[in-house]
Amino acid sequence: QVQLVESGGGLVQPGGSLLLSCAASGFRFSNYAMSWYRQAPAKERELVATITGNGGSTKYANSMKDRFTISRDNAVNTVFLQIKGLQVEDTAVYYCNARLGRTFEYWGQGTQVTVSS
């Protein structure tokens, strides 16, 4: 059974930092590109960052290159998203995504990040 379980979200003040985690199970983790998406209220889901299966390459949405860092640890089947300098506009549900080509794709249930003073 495939599972992607996000954690690490919460309420944080502007300027703060968070480390989101996504624990994967039920598939060969290292074969999959992993991504983080986010969806703010009343907005479409958008891609934040992607990392290749071996972690050798990362891509970021243009607006997120400076404050977001994606990483993975294949030994524990987990992908991470470090967010620094959080802004109110970063408030969203953050989703973990696993993809292998065009055939296999899985989503987590999401973790809420709220940035507010």
C-alpha atoms as a PDB file:
ATOM      1  CA  GLN A   1       0.000   0.000   0.000  1.00  0.00           C
ATOM      2  CA  VAL A   2       1.448   3.297  -1.117  1.00  0.00           C
ATOM      3  CA  GLN A   3       1.613   6.007   1.494  1.00  0.00           C
ATOM      4  CA  LEU A   4       2.994   9.529   1.550  1.00  0.00           C
ATOM      5  CA  VAL A   5       2.685  11.129   4.953  1.00  0.00           C
ATOM      6  CA  GLU A   6       3.590  14.781   5.349  1.00  0.00           C
ATOM      7  CA  SER A   7       4.466  16.366   8.658  1.00  0.00           C
ATOM      8  CA  GLY A   8       6.074  19.483  10.058  1.00  0.00           C
ATOM      9  CA  GLY A   9       3.457  22.053   9.207  1.00  0.00           C
ATOM     10  CA  GLY A  10       1.981  24.451  11.696  1.00  0.00           C
ATOM     11  CA  LEU A  11       1.576  28.059  12.715  1.00  0.00           C
ATOM     12  CA  VAL A  12       4.682  30.193  12.398  1.00  0.00           C
ATOM     13  CA  GLN A  13       5.390  33.892  12.584  1.00  0.00           C
ATOM     14  CA  PRO A  14       6.596  35.820   9.559  1.00  0.00           C
ATOM     15  CA  GLY A  15      10.323  35.439   9.140  1.00  0.00           C
ATOM     16  CA  GLY A  16      10.354  32.032  10.757  1.00  0.00           C
ATOM     17  CA  SER A  17      11.425  28.697   9.342  1.00  0.00           C
ATOM     18  CA  LEU A  18       9.925  25.252   8.940  1.00  0.00           C
ATOM     19  CA  LEU A  19      11.144  21.844   7.913  1.00  0.00           C
ATOM     20  CA  LEU A  20       8.483  19.749   6.228  1.00  0.00           C
ATOM     21  CA  SER A  21       8.932  16.000   5.910  1.00  0.00           C
ATOM     22  CA  CYS A  22       7.243  13.412   3.762  1.00  0.00           C
ATOM     23  CA  ALA A  23       7.664   9.782   4.682  1.00  0.00           C
ATOM     24  CA  ALA A  24       7.070   7.352   1.832  1.00  0.00           C
ATOM     25  CA  SER A  25       6.244   3.669   1.850  1.00  0.00           C
ATOM     26  CA  GLY A  26       4.851   1.024  -0.456  1.00  0.00           C
ATOM     27  CA  PHE A  27       6.985   1.754  -3.512  1.00  0.00           C
ATOM     28  CA  ARG A  28      10.639   1.880  -4.527  1.00  0.00           C
ATOM     29  CA  PHE A  29      11.324   5.378  -3.260  1.00  0.00           C
ATOM     30  CA  SER A  30      14.689   5.918  -4.921  1.00  0.00           C
ATOM     31  CA  ASN A  31      13.178   5.365  -8.369  1.00  0.00           C
ATOM     32  CA  TYR A  32      10.775   8.254  -8.016  1.00  0.00           C
ATOM     33  CA  ALA A  33      11.197  11.940  -8.509  1.00  0.00           C
ATOM     34  CA  MET A  34       9.749  13.686  -5.513  1.00  0.00           C
ATOM     35  CA  SER A  35       8.109  17.071  -5.475  1.00  0.00           C
ATOM     36  CA  TRP A  36       6.471  19.488  -3.127  1.00  0.00           C
ATOM     37  CA  TYR A  37       3.401  21.398  -4.219  1.00  0.00           C
ATOM     38  CA  ARG A  38       1.320  23.890  -2.338  1.00  0.00           C
ATOM     39  CA  GLN A  39      -2.213  25.177  -2.561  1.00  0.00           C
ATOM     40  CA  ALA A  40      -3.235  28.435  -0.976  1.00  0.00           C
ATOM     41  CA  PRO A  41      -6.875  29.238  -0.231  1.00  0.00           C
ATOM     42  CA  ALA A  42      -8.838  29.956  -3.399  1.00  0.00           C
ATOM     43  CA  LYS A  43      -5.781  29.304  -5.565  1.00  0.00           C
ATOM     44  CA  GLU A  44      -4.645  26.485  -7.782  1.00  0.00           C
ATOM     45  CA  ARG A  45      -2.087  23.981  -6.647  1.00  0.00           C
ATOM     46  CA  GLU A  46       1.402  25.053  -7.671  1.00  0.00           C
ATOM     47  CA  LEU A  47       4.746  23.316  -7.893  1.00  0.00           C
ATOM     48  CA  VAL A  48       7.320  24.362  -5.318  1.00  0.00           C
ATOM     49  CA  ALA A  49      10.287  22.089  -6.027  1.00  0.00           C
ATOM     50  CA  THR A  50      11.327  18.734  -7.465  1.00  0.00           C
ATOM     51  CA  ILE A  51      14.237  16.431  -6.726  1.00  0.00           C
ATOM     52  CA  THR A  52      15.370  13.469  -8.814  1.00  0.00           C
ATOM     53  CA  GLY A  53      15.433   9.919  -7.513  1.00  0.00           C
ATOM     54  CA  ASN A  54      19.098   9.939  -6.557  1.00  0.00           C
ATOM     55  CA  GLY A  55      18.926  13.492  -5.256  1.00  0.00           C
ATOM     56  CA  GLY A  56      21.422  14.694  -7.808  1.00  0.00           C
ATOM     57  CA  SER A  57      19.262  17.369  -9.365  1.00  0.00           C
ATOM     58  CA  THR A  58      16.719  19.817  -8.046  1.00  0.00           C
ATOM     59  CA  LYS A  59      14.380  22.325  -9.659  1.00  0.00           C
ATOM     60  CA  TYR A  60      12.445  25.158  -8.098  1.00  0.00           C
ATOM     61  CA  ALA A  61       9.641  27.417  -9.140  1.00  0.00           C
ATOM     62  CA  ASN A  62      11.177  30.748 -10.054  1.00  0.00           C
ATOM     63  CA  SER A  63       9.649  32.566  -7.107  1.00  0.00           C
ATOM     64  CA  MET A  64      10.865  29.979  -4.616  1.00  0.00           C
ATOM     65  CA  LYS A  65      14.519  29.516  -5.411  1.00  0.00           C
ATOM     66  CA  ASP A  66      15.795  31.694  -2.609  1.00  0.00           C
ATOM     67  CA  ARG A  67      13.911  30.519   0.455  1.00  0.00           C
ATOM     68  CA  PHE A  68      13.017  26.887  -0.282  1.00  0.00           C
ATOM     69  CA  THR A  69      15.316  23.863  -0.231  1.00  0.00           C
ATOM     70  CA  ILE A  70      14.241  20.375  -1.215  1.00  0.00           C
ATOM     71  CA  SER A  71      16.264  17.337  -0.189  1.00  0.00           C
ATOM     72  CA  ARG A  72      15.801  13.631   0.298  1.00  0.00           C
ATOM     73  CA  ASP A  73      17.211  10.744   2.260  1.00  0.00           C
ATOM     74  CA  ASN A  74      16.700   7.518   0.367  1.00  0.00           C
ATOM     75  CA  ALA A  75      17.921   5.494   3.325  1.00  0.00           C
ATOM     76  CA  VAL A  76      14.787   6.448   5.240  1.00  0.00           C
ATOM     77  CA  ASN A  77      12.454   7.043   2.283  1.00  0.00           C
ATOM     78  CA  THR A  78      11.856  10.651   3.189  1.00  0.00           C
ATOM     79  CA  VAL A  79      11.814  13.917   1.297  1.00  0.00           C
ATOM     80  CA  PHE A  80      12.171  17.268   3.004  1.00  0.00           C
ATOM     81  CA  LEU A  81      11.323  20.872   2.306  1.00  0.00           C
ATOM     82  CA  GLN A  82      13.152  23.539   4.251  1.00  0.00           C
ATOM     83  CA  ILE A  83      11.455  26.931   4.173  1.00  0.00           C
ATOM     84  CA  LYS A  84      13.170  30.017   5.506  1.00  0.00           C
ATOM     85  CA  GLY A  85      11.981  33.577   5.841  1.00  0.00           C
ATOM     86  CA  LEU A  86       8.348  32.539   5.831  1.00  0.00           C
ATOM     87  CA  GLN A  87       5.897  35.091   4.543  1.00  0.00           C
ATOM     88  CA  VAL A  88       2.155  35.391   4.965  1.00  0.00           C
ATOM     89  CA  GLU A  89       1.871  34.518   1.285  1.00  0.00           C
ATOM     90  CA  ASP A  90       3.407  31.118   2.018  1.00  0.00           C
ATOM     91  CA  THR A  91       0.275  30.103   3.892  1.00  0.00           C
ATOM     92  CA  ALA A  92      -1.000  26.996   2.127  1.00  0.00           C
ATOM     93  CA  VAL A  93      -1.438  23.284   2.326  1.00  0.00           C
ATOM     94  CA  TYR A  94       1.829  21.666   1.257  1.00  0.00           C
ATOM     95  CA  TYR A  95       1.618  18.365  -0.583  1.00  0.00           C
ATOM     96  CA  CYS A  96       4.176  15.696  -1.276  1.00  0.00           C
ATOM     97  CA  ASN A  97       4.165  14.089  -4.722  1.00  0.00           C
ATOM     98  CA  ALA A  98       5.934  11.020  -6.081  1.00  0.00           C
ATOM     99  CA  ARG A  99       6.215  10.433  -9.809  1.00  0.00           C
ATOM    100  CA  LEU A 100       7.762   7.790 -12.036  1.00  0.00           C
ATOM    101  CA  GLY A 101       7.516   8.805 -15.663  1.00  0.00           C
ATOM    102  CA  ARG A 102       3.962   9.341 -16.750  1.00  0.00           C
ATOM    103  CA  THR A 103       2.632   6.117 -15.363  1.00  0.00           C
ATOM    104  CA  PHE A 104       2.886   6.255 -11.617  1.00  0.00           C
ATOM    105  CA  GLU A 105       2.008   9.214  -9.449  1.00  0.00           C
ATOM    106  CA  TYR A 106       1.093   9.426  -5.797  1.00  0.00           C
ATOM    107  CA  TRP A 107       0.013  12.240  -3.497  1.00  0.00           C
ATOM    108  CA  GLY A 108       0.099  12.766   0.205  1.00  0.00           C
ATOM    109  CA  GLN A 109      -2.745  14.217   2.213  1.00  0.00           C
ATOM    110  CA  GLY A 110      -1.001  17.526   2.805  1.00  0.00           C
ATOM    111  CA  THR A 111       0.213  19.501   5.783  1.00  0.00           C
ATOM    112  CA  GLN A 112      -1.061  22.959   6.645  1.00  0.00           C
ATOM    113  CA  VAL A 113       1.401  25.826   6.928  1.00  0.00           C
ATOM    114  CA  THR A 114       0.018  29.049   8.349  1.00  0.00           C
ATOM    115  CA  VAL A 115       2.155  32.158   8.561  1.00  0.00           C
ATOM    116  CA  SER A 116       0.699  34.784  10.822  1.00  0.00           C
ATOM    117  CA  SER A 117       1.704  37.181  13.530  1.00  0.00           C
END
